[in-house]
């Protein structure tokens, strides 16, 4: 195996390698906010009986919330370590696989949810296309991902060795999400930003939460994270 291939594998499976300790290291302010934005703000519709894919389920927080809302949940991530952590939180169908080549037929799911997974793939455009492919006609697609205008912060943090995460960091632009939605027959219903500045500063969480209300304005395009809700045509 070449060095380049080995490095690629290390990046792909980085989060699988820290699965057992991931909950202890994640920022729960951010995680809780994303769960709230996805399910309370972007998916107020009834999920009861809906077949929902949680793509890039991580340790299962989004799968848990979806199941609490009555959805029949399929939790997908790269390896069994992350899926074992998910199984501790929720009784869902666990699938090990990659978003780059989903192991599902076209038009399988009523709802596809993916939060902060897209940027951790080697080609976000392909992963986005795969996620859109498995949404049923008239089904819903909800995704959050970091905004590329803030990618410099990751580069700086890595250079200063103050950030432990070593997976792919292929952040995308707000216009990319709009274009990819059109290309994949997704009609965008809503886009919004959240986190106007880094959420690691606990002292400013109250202010950050207040500023999130402006995420649907032009200010949203300058925020660290982007959320999109779309319906399959």
C-alpha atoms as a PDB file:
ATOM      1  CA  UNK A   1       0.000   0.000   0.000  1.00  0.00           C
ATOM      2  CA  UNK A   2       1.329   3.426  -0.864  1.00  0.00           C
ATOM      3  CA  UNK A   3       1.850   6.108   1.736  1.00  0.00           C
ATOM      4  CA  UNK A   4      -0.787   8.226   0.034  1.00  0.00           C
ATOM      5  CA  UNK A   5      -3.371   5.437   0.224  1.00  0.00           C
ATOM      6  CA  UNK A   6      -2.533   4.853   3.881  1.00  0.00           C
ATOM      7  CA  UNK A   7      -2.979   8.528   4.707  1.00  0.00           C
ATOM      8  CA  UNK A   8      -6.318   8.502   2.891  1.00  0.00           C
ATOM      9  CA  UNK A   9      -7.486   5.529   4.948  1.00  0.00           C
ATOM     10  CA  UNK A  10      -6.375   7.217   8.177  1.00  0.00           C
ATOM     11  CA  UNK A  11      -8.426  10.297   7.332  1.00  0.00           C
ATOM     12  CA  UNK A  12     -11.473   8.274   6.305  1.00  0.00           C
ATOM     13  CA  UNK A  13     -11.569   6.157   9.467  1.00  0.00           C
ATOM     14  CA  UNK A  14     -10.257   8.707  11.962  1.00  0.00           C
ATOM     15  CA  UNK A  15     -13.547   9.106  13.846  1.00  0.00           C
ATOM     16  CA  UNK A  16     -14.075   5.357  13.939  1.00  0.00           C
ATOM     17  CA  UNK A  17     -10.733   5.136  15.724  1.00  0.00           C
ATOM     18  CA  UNK A  18     -11.920   7.380  18.582  1.00  0.00           C
ATOM     19  CA  UNK A  19     -15.496   6.061  18.743  1.00  0.00           C
ATOM     20  CA  UNK A  20     -15.394   4.978  22.387  1.00  0.00           C
ATOM     21  CA  UNK A  21     -14.143   8.373  23.572  1.00  0.00           C
ATOM     22  CA  UNK A  22     -15.913  10.597  21.079  1.00  0.00           C
ATOM     23  CA  UNK A  23     -18.838  11.571  23.314  1.00  0.00           C
ATOM     24  CA  UNK A  24     -16.413  12.651  26.017  1.00  0.00           C
ATOM     25  CA  UNK A  25     -14.537  14.944  23.641  1.00  0.00           C
ATOM     26  CA  UNK A  26     -17.389  16.491  21.656  1.00  0.00           C
ATOM     27  CA  UNK A  27     -18.832  19.891  22.479  1.00  0.00           C
ATOM     28  CA  UNK A  28     -22.359  19.175  23.678  1.00  0.00           C
ATOM     29  CA  UNK A  29     -23.418  22.800  23.263  1.00  0.00           C
ATOM     30  CA  UNK A  30     -22.818  22.413  19.534  1.00  0.00           C
ATOM     31  CA  UNK A  31     -24.287  18.907  19.319  1.00  0.00           C
ATOM     32  CA  UNK A  32     -27.439  19.860  21.222  1.00  0.00           C
ATOM     33  CA  UNK A  33     -27.879  22.947  19.071  1.00  0.00           C
ATOM     34  CA  UNK A  34     -27.601  20.928  15.850  1.00  0.00           C
ATOM     35  CA  UNK A  35     -30.118  18.369  17.112  1.00  0.00           C
ATOM     36  CA  UNK A  36     -32.502  21.194  17.969  1.00  0.00           C
ATOM     37  CA  UNK A  37     -32.060  22.975  14.641  1.00  0.00           C
ATOM     38  CA  UNK A  38     -32.518  19.787  12.625  1.00  0.00           C
ATOM     39  CA  UNK A  39     -35.520  18.356  14.447  1.00  0.00           C
ATOM     40  CA  UNK A  40     -37.268  21.274  16.147  1.00  0.00           C
ATOM     41  CA  UNK A  41     -36.728  24.003  13.562  1.00  0.00           C
ATOM     42  CA  UNK A  42     -36.235  22.276  10.210  1.00  0.00           C
ATOM     43  CA  UNK A  43     -38.305  19.130  10.731  1.00  0.00           C
ATOM     44  CA  UNK A  44     -41.443  20.160  12.634  1.00  0.00           C
ATOM     45  CA  UNK A  45     -43.433  17.762  10.426  1.00  0.00           C
ATOM     46  CA  UNK A  46     -44.609  14.465  11.890  1.00  0.00           C
ATOM     47  CA  UNK A  47     -41.957  11.789  11.563  1.00  0.00           C
ATOM     48  CA  UNK A  48     -44.158   9.032  12.940  1.00  0.00           C
ATOM     49  CA  UNK A  49     -43.795   5.905  10.817  1.00  0.00           C
ATOM     50  CA  UNK A  50     -41.389   7.602   8.396  1.00  0.00           C
ATOM     51  CA  UNK A  51     -38.302   5.714   7.241  1.00  0.00           C
ATOM     52  CA  UNK A  52     -35.392   8.000   8.129  1.00  0.00           C
ATOM     53  CA  UNK A  53     -31.705   7.674   7.303  1.00  0.00           C
ATOM     54  CA  UNK A  54     -29.239   9.229   9.731  1.00  0.00           C
ATOM     55  CA  UNK A  55     -26.187   9.404   7.460  1.00  0.00           C
ATOM     56  CA  UNK A  56     -22.983   9.770   9.419  1.00  0.00           C
ATOM     57  CA  UNK A  57     -24.766   8.929  12.657  1.00  0.00           C
ATOM     58  CA  UNK A  58     -21.618   9.248  14.751  1.00  0.00           C
ATOM     59  CA  UNK A  59     -22.497   8.145  18.266  1.00  0.00           C
ATOM     60  CA  UNK A  60     -26.248   8.305  17.745  1.00  0.00           C
ATOM     61  CA  UNK A  61     -27.606  11.600  19.051  1.00  0.00           C
ATOM     62  CA  UNK A  62     -29.578  12.368  15.884  1.00  0.00           C
ATOM     63  CA  UNK A  63     -30.806   8.786  15.540  1.00  0.00           C
ATOM     64  CA  UNK A  64     -32.036   8.936  19.144  1.00  0.00           C
ATOM     65  CA  UNK A  65     -34.000  12.124  18.561  1.00  0.00           C
ATOM     66  CA  UNK A  66     -35.492  10.791  15.318  1.00  0.00           C
ATOM     67  CA  UNK A  67     -36.653   7.632  17.068  1.00  0.00           C
ATOM     68  CA  UNK A  68     -38.170   9.693  19.886  1.00  0.00           C
ATOM     69  CA  UNK A  69     -40.152  11.513  17.197  1.00  0.00           C
ATOM     70  CA  UNK A  70     -41.537   8.190  15.971  1.00  0.00           C
ATOM     71  CA  UNK A  71     -39.365   7.582  12.903  1.00  0.00           C
ATOM     72  CA  UNK A  72     -38.124   4.171  11.822  1.00  0.00           C
ATOM     73  CA  UNK A  73     -34.414   4.933  11.884  1.00  0.00           C
ATOM     74  CA  UNK A  74     -31.523   3.559   9.863  1.00  0.00           C
ATOM     75  CA  UNK A  75     -28.215   4.660  11.405  1.00  0.00           C
ATOM     76  CA  UNK A  76     -25.254   4.633   9.017  1.00  0.00           C
ATOM     77  CA  UNK A  77     -21.592   5.251   9.682  1.00  0.00           C
ATOM     78  CA  UNK A  78     -18.267   3.853   8.557  1.00  0.00           C
ATOM     79  CA  UNK A  79     -17.480   1.324  11.260  1.00  0.00           C
ATOM     80  CA  UNK A  80     -18.808  -0.897  14.010  1.00  0.00           C
ATOM     81  CA  UNK A  81     -17.220   1.197  16.761  1.00  0.00           C
ATOM     82  CA  UNK A  82     -19.430   4.211  16.089  1.00  0.00           C
ATOM     83  CA  UNK A  83     -22.449   1.969  15.541  1.00  0.00           C
ATOM     84  CA  UNK A  84     -21.867   0.289  18.917  1.00  0.00           C
ATOM     85  CA  UNK A  85     -21.968   3.720  20.541  1.00  0.00           C
ATOM     86  CA  UNK A  86     -25.177   4.501  18.662  1.00  0.00           C
ATOM     87  CA  UNK A  87     -26.733   1.226  19.861  1.00  0.00           C
ATOM     88  CA  UNK A  88     -26.251   2.394  23.462  1.00  0.00           C
ATOM     89  CA  UNK A  89     -28.631   5.299  22.802  1.00  0.00           C
ATOM     90  CA  UNK A  90     -31.257   4.010  20.388  1.00  0.00           C
ATOM     91  CA  UNK A  91     -32.793   0.878  18.909  1.00  0.00           C
ATOM     92  CA  UNK A  92     -32.240   1.517  15.202  1.00  0.00           C
ATOM     93  CA  UNK A  93     -31.141  -0.484  12.180  1.00  0.00           C
ATOM     94  CA  UNK A  94     -27.352  -0.200  12.168  1.00  0.00           C
ATOM     95  CA  UNK A  95     -25.535  -0.148   8.832  1.00  0.00           C
ATOM     96  CA  UNK A  96     -21.783   0.126   8.297  1.00  0.00           C
ATOM     97  CA  UNK A  97     -21.092   1.917   5.040  1.00  0.00           C
ATOM     98  CA  UNK A  98     -19.882   5.025   3.291  1.00  0.00           C
ATOM     99  CA  UNK A  99     -21.863   8.010   2.085  1.00  0.00           C
ATOM    100  CA  UNK A 100     -19.680   7.987  -1.015  1.00  0.00           C
ATOM    101  CA  UNK A 101     -21.480   4.853  -2.209  1.00  0.00           C
ATOM    102  CA  UNK A 102     -24.639   4.214  -0.231  1.00  0.00           C
ATOM    103  CA  UNK A 103     -25.835   0.616  -0.108  1.00  0.00           C
ATOM    104  CA  UNK A 104     -29.487   1.547  -0.644  1.00  0.00           C
ATOM    105  CA  UNK A 105     -31.700   1.654  -3.711  1.00  0.00           C
ATOM    106  CA  UNK A 106     -32.862   4.911  -5.252  1.00  0.00           C
ATOM    107  CA  UNK A 107     -35.805   6.561  -3.498  1.00  0.00           C
ATOM    108  CA  UNK A 108     -35.620   4.478  -0.309  1.00  0.00           C
ATOM    109  CA  UNK A 109     -36.160   6.994   2.487  1.00  0.00           C
ATOM    110  CA  UNK A 110     -38.916   9.408   3.426  1.00  0.00           C
ATOM    111  CA  UNK A 111     -36.362  11.561   5.236  1.00  0.00           C
ATOM    112  CA  UNK A 112     -32.569  11.780   5.036  1.00  0.00           C
ATOM    113  CA  UNK A 113     -30.715  13.608   7.804  1.00  0.00           C
ATOM    114  CA  UNK A 114     -26.983  14.260   7.864  1.00  0.00           C
ATOM    115  CA  UNK A 115     -25.235  16.555  10.322  1.00  0.00           C
ATOM    116  CA  UNK A 116     -21.532  17.458  10.071  1.00  0.00           C
ATOM    117  CA  UNK A 117     -20.688  14.395   7.990  1.00  0.00           C
ATOM    118  CA  UNK A 118     -20.386  15.755   4.452  1.00  0.00           C
ATOM    119  CA  UNK A 119     -17.099  17.559   5.070  1.00  0.00           C
ATOM    120  CA  UNK A 120     -15.496  14.392   6.430  1.00  0.00           C
ATOM    121  CA  UNK A 121     -15.719  12.571   3.095  1.00  0.00           C
ATOM    122  CA  UNK A 122     -13.077  12.678   0.381  1.00  0.00           C
ATOM    123  CA  UNK A 123     -15.540  14.166  -2.128  1.00  0.00           C
ATOM    124  CA  UNK A 124     -18.500  16.036  -0.588  1.00  0.00           C
ATOM    125  CA  UNK A 125     -20.164  16.533  -3.988  1.00  0.00           C
ATOM    126  CA  UNK A 126     -20.385  12.779  -4.563  1.00  0.00           C
ATOM    127  CA  UNK A 127     -21.635  12.190  -1.019  1.00  0.00           C
ATOM    128  CA  UNK A 128     -24.292  14.872  -1.443  1.00  0.00           C
ATOM    129  CA  UNK A 129     -25.421  13.224  -4.685  1.00  0.00           C
ATOM    130  CA  UNK A 130     -25.669   9.846  -2.960  1.00  0.00           C
ATOM    131  CA  UNK A 131     -27.708  11.269  -0.091  1.00  0.00           C
ATOM    132  CA  UNK A 132     -30.084  12.938  -2.535  1.00  0.00           C
ATOM    133  CA  UNK A 133     -30.374   9.749  -4.598  1.00  0.00           C
ATOM    134  CA  UNK A 134     -31.906   7.724  -1.777  1.00  0.00           C
ATOM    135  CA  UNK A 135     -34.594  10.301  -0.891  1.00  0.00           C
ATOM    136  CA  UNK A 136     -38.077   9.393  -2.110  1.00  0.00           C
ATOM    137  CA  UNK A 137     -39.898  11.800  -4.428  1.00  0.00           C
ATOM    138  CA  UNK A 138     -41.522  14.418  -2.192  1.00  0.00           C
ATOM    139  CA  UNK A 139     -39.262  13.241   0.632  1.00  0.00           C
ATOM    140  CA  UNK A 140     -37.225  15.569   2.834  1.00  0.00           C
ATOM    141  CA  UNK A 141     -33.480  16.106   3.015  1.00  0.00           C
ATOM    142  CA  UNK A 142     -31.901  18.003   5.928  1.00  0.00           C
ATOM    143  CA  UNK A 143     -28.175  18.590   6.196  1.00  0.00           C
ATOM    144  CA  UNK A 144     -25.768  20.673   8.240  1.00  0.00           C
ATOM    145  CA  UNK A 145     -22.126  21.244   7.381  1.00  0.00           C
ATOM    146  CA  UNK A 146     -19.383  23.798   8.074  1.00  0.00           C
ATOM    147  CA  UNK A 147     -19.167  26.867   5.871  1.00  0.00           C
ATOM    148  CA  UNK A 148     -15.978  27.085   3.800  1.00  0.00           C
ATOM    149  CA  UNK A 149     -15.569  30.797   4.522  1.00  0.00           C
ATOM    150  CA  UNK A 150     -14.430  29.693   7.992  1.00  0.00           C
ATOM    151  CA  UNK A 151     -12.096  26.915   6.865  1.00  0.00           C
ATOM    152  CA  UNK A 152      -9.072  29.053   7.755  1.00  0.00           C
ATOM    153  CA  UNK A 153      -9.892  28.496  11.433  1.00  0.00           C
ATOM    154  CA  UNK A 154      -9.315  24.741  11.096  1.00  0.00           C
ATOM    155  CA  UNK A 155      -6.077  25.270   9.198  1.00  0.00           C
ATOM    156  CA  UNK A 156      -4.858  27.628  11.922  1.00  0.00           C
ATOM    157  CA  UNK A 157      -5.946  25.347  14.776  1.00  0.00           C
ATOM    158  CA  UNK A 158      -4.206  22.375  13.182  1.00  0.00           C
ATOM    159  CA  UNK A 159      -1.045  24.409  12.599  1.00  0.00           C
ATOM    160  CA  UNK A 160      -1.002  25.374  16.284  1.00  0.00           C
ATOM    161  CA  UNK A 161      -1.727  21.771  17.281  1.00  0.00           C
ATOM    162  CA  UNK A 162      -4.717  22.794  19.400  1.00  0.00           C
ATOM    163  CA  UNK A 163      -7.208  20.564  17.598  1.00  0.00           C
ATOM    164  CA  UNK A 164      -7.043  16.794  17.827  1.00  0.00           C
ATOM    165  CA  UNK A 165      -9.271  15.834  14.892  1.00  0.00           C
ATOM    166  CA  UNK A 166      -7.358  14.538  11.867  1.00  0.00           C
ATOM    167  CA  UNK A 167     -10.094  13.407   9.486  1.00  0.00           C
ATOM    168  CA  UNK A 168     -11.041  14.962   6.159  1.00  0.00           C
ATOM    169  CA  UNK A 169     -11.976  18.650   6.371  1.00  0.00           C
ATOM    170  CA  UNK A 170     -13.450  19.292   2.923  1.00  0.00           C
ATOM    171  CA  UNK A 171     -15.707  22.199   3.824  1.00  0.00           C
ATOM    172  CA  UNK A 172     -18.115  23.483   1.174  1.00  0.00           C
ATOM    173  CA  UNK A 173     -19.538  26.860   0.272  1.00  0.00           C
ATOM    174  CA  UNK A 174     -23.113  28.072   0.708  1.00  0.00           C
ATOM    175  CA  UNK A 175     -23.522  28.392  -3.112  1.00  0.00           C
ATOM    176  CA  UNK A 176     -22.243  24.815  -3.530  1.00  0.00           C
ATOM    177  CA  UNK A 177     -25.159  23.495  -1.498  1.00  0.00           C
ATOM    178  CA  UNK A 178     -27.596  25.504  -3.599  1.00  0.00           C
ATOM    179  CA  UNK A 179     -26.094  24.285  -6.876  1.00  0.00           C
ATOM    180  CA  UNK A 180     -25.839  20.660  -5.789  1.00  0.00           C
ATOM    181  CA  UNK A 181     -29.462  20.725  -4.648  1.00  0.00           C
ATOM    182  CA  UNK A 182     -30.617  21.901  -8.073  1.00  0.00           C
ATOM    183  CA  UNK A 183     -28.415  19.328  -9.796  1.00  0.00           C
ATOM    184  CA  UNK A 184     -29.948  16.523  -7.731  1.00  0.00           C
ATOM    185  CA  UNK A 185     -33.627  17.491  -8.050  1.00  0.00           C
ATOM    186  CA  UNK A 186     -33.873  18.935  -4.581  1.00  0.00           C
ATOM    187  CA  UNK A 187     -35.988  22.007  -4.099  1.00  0.00           C
ATOM    188  CA  UNK A 188     -34.472  24.089  -1.305  1.00  0.00           C
ATOM    189  CA  UNK A 189     -37.100  25.054   1.258  1.00  0.00           C
ATOM    190  CA  UNK A 190     -34.797  26.790   3.693  1.00  0.00           C
ATOM    191  CA  UNK A 191     -31.158  27.626   4.270  1.00  0.00           C
ATOM    192  CA  UNK A 192     -29.786  29.182   7.398  1.00  0.00           C
ATOM    193  CA  UNK A 193     -26.509  29.732   9.199  1.00  0.00           C
ATOM    194  CA  UNK A 194     -25.637  29.240  12.849  1.00  0.00           C
ATOM    195  CA  UNK A 195     -22.599  29.939  15.048  1.00  0.00           C
ATOM    196  CA  UNK A 196     -21.477  33.442  14.078  1.00  0.00           C
ATOM    197  CA  UNK A 197     -18.156  32.812  15.801  1.00  0.00           C
ATOM    198  CA  UNK A 198     -16.454  29.740  17.348  1.00  0.00           C
ATOM    199  CA  UNK A 199     -18.641  27.953  19.888  1.00  0.00           C
ATOM    200  CA  UNK A 200     -15.668  26.715  21.946  1.00  0.00           C
ATOM    201  CA  UNK A 201     -15.847  29.913  24.024  1.00  0.00           C
ATOM    202  CA  UNK A 202     -18.380  28.867  26.655  1.00  0.00           C
ATOM    203  CA  UNK A 203     -18.621  32.379  28.043  1.00  0.00           C
ATOM    204  CA  UNK A 204     -20.304  33.510  24.804  1.00  0.00           C
ATOM    205  CA  UNK A 205     -22.824  30.688  24.350  1.00  0.00           C
ATOM    206  CA  UNK A 206     -25.769  32.861  25.347  1.00  0.00           C
ATOM    207  CA  UNK A 207     -24.740  35.513  22.834  1.00  0.00           C
ATOM    208  CA  UNK A 208     -24.196  32.905  20.118  1.00  0.00           C
ATOM    209  CA  UNK A 209     -27.651  31.473  20.682  1.00  0.00           C
ATOM    210  CA  UNK A 210     -29.139  34.962  20.420  1.00  0.00           C
ATOM    211  CA  UNK A 211     -27.272  35.670  17.175  1.00  0.00           C
ATOM    212  CA  UNK A 212     -28.503  32.412  15.629  1.00  0.00           C
ATOM    213  CA  UNK A 213     -31.870  34.091  15.110  1.00  0.00           C
ATOM    214  CA  UNK A 214     -30.240  36.088  12.305  1.00  0.00           C
ATOM    215  CA  UNK A 215     -29.128  32.935  10.516  1.00  0.00           C
ATOM    216  CA  UNK A 216     -31.885  33.238   7.920  1.00  0.00           C
ATOM    217  CA  UNK A 217     -30.762  36.739   6.951  1.00  0.00           C
ATOM    218  CA  UNK A 218     -27.800  37.618   4.755  1.00  0.00           C
ATOM    219  CA  UNK A 219     -25.682  37.277   7.906  1.00  0.00           C
ATOM    220  CA  UNK A 220     -26.276  33.532   7.761  1.00  0.00           C
ATOM    221  CA  UNK A 221     -23.896  33.173   4.822  1.00  0.00           C
ATOM    222  CA  UNK A 222     -21.074  34.368   7.078  1.00  0.00           C
ATOM    223  CA  UNK A 223     -21.752  31.952   9.923  1.00  0.00           C
ATOM    224  CA  UNK A 224     -19.594  28.936  10.678  1.00  0.00           C
ATOM    225  CA  UNK A 225     -22.239  26.315   9.948  1.00  0.00           C
ATOM    226  CA  UNK A 226     -24.912  26.025   7.290  1.00  0.00           C
ATOM    227  CA  UNK A 227     -28.179  24.098   7.479  1.00  0.00           C
ATOM    228  CA  UNK A 228     -30.314  23.268   4.454  1.00  0.00           C
ATOM    229  CA  UNK A 229     -33.757  21.721   4.161  1.00  0.00           C
ATOM    230  CA  UNK A 230     -34.930  20.521   0.765  1.00  0.00           C
ATOM    231  CA  UNK A 231     -37.684  18.441  -0.786  1.00  0.00           C
ATOM    232  CA  UNK A 232     -37.063  15.873  -3.538  1.00  0.00           C
ATOM    233  CA  UNK A 233     -38.839  16.727  -6.781  1.00  0.00           C
END
